[in-house]
Amino acid sequence: MIHRFSYRCDRRTLYWTLVYVVAYIGLGIGLYFLYEGEYLSAWFISCVGALLVLMALSIPRHIILDEEKLEVRCLLDLTELSREEIVSARKVGKQEMRYVIPLFGGCGFFGYYGHFLDLKHFERIRIYASEWRNLVEITDIYEERLWVSCSEPEKLIELLETKQE
């Protein structure tokens, strides 16, 4: 049986997305008028445009869980974990997120995705979340941690645990 868990952006994520867009547009307009349309403003607009497109392609869309694997589907990226490789699944508390900082990825632009550093345990975590609530940590046999957010975290944990027994 295939289960689909959707992502939804909370107010904080939408707020940060708006802040990013307004800041980039403001900087682009400021550079355009400051340097009168020379190469620096064109270079900045090109780089920011490419960065926004790359970030948009990594926005998580939904999680698919079937009998063999768990898939985190983004607009362009696909992360797969075999059900046999999943060791544990648990809900992540708010206090644990205090120690997490981004290493490489998007932070606040329609979600939080990429590689983050857990300062408490000094470990790398992959995160595919659209909100800082309802986070589920999935640990595999290689002791790599994956944090995902979904609309029904308890159901996801239950389905992952029942398959493992």
Foldseek 3Di string as FASTA:
>chain_A
DKDKFFADADPQLVVLQVVLVVVLVVVLVVCCVVVVNDPVSVVSVVVVVVVLVVQQQAAWGIWMDDLFWIWTDGNNDIDIDTLQFWDAKDWDDPVQCVQKADDDGDDSNQFTFDWIARNVVRDIETERHNDSHQWMWIAGNVRHIYIYHGPDNVVVRVVSVVSVD
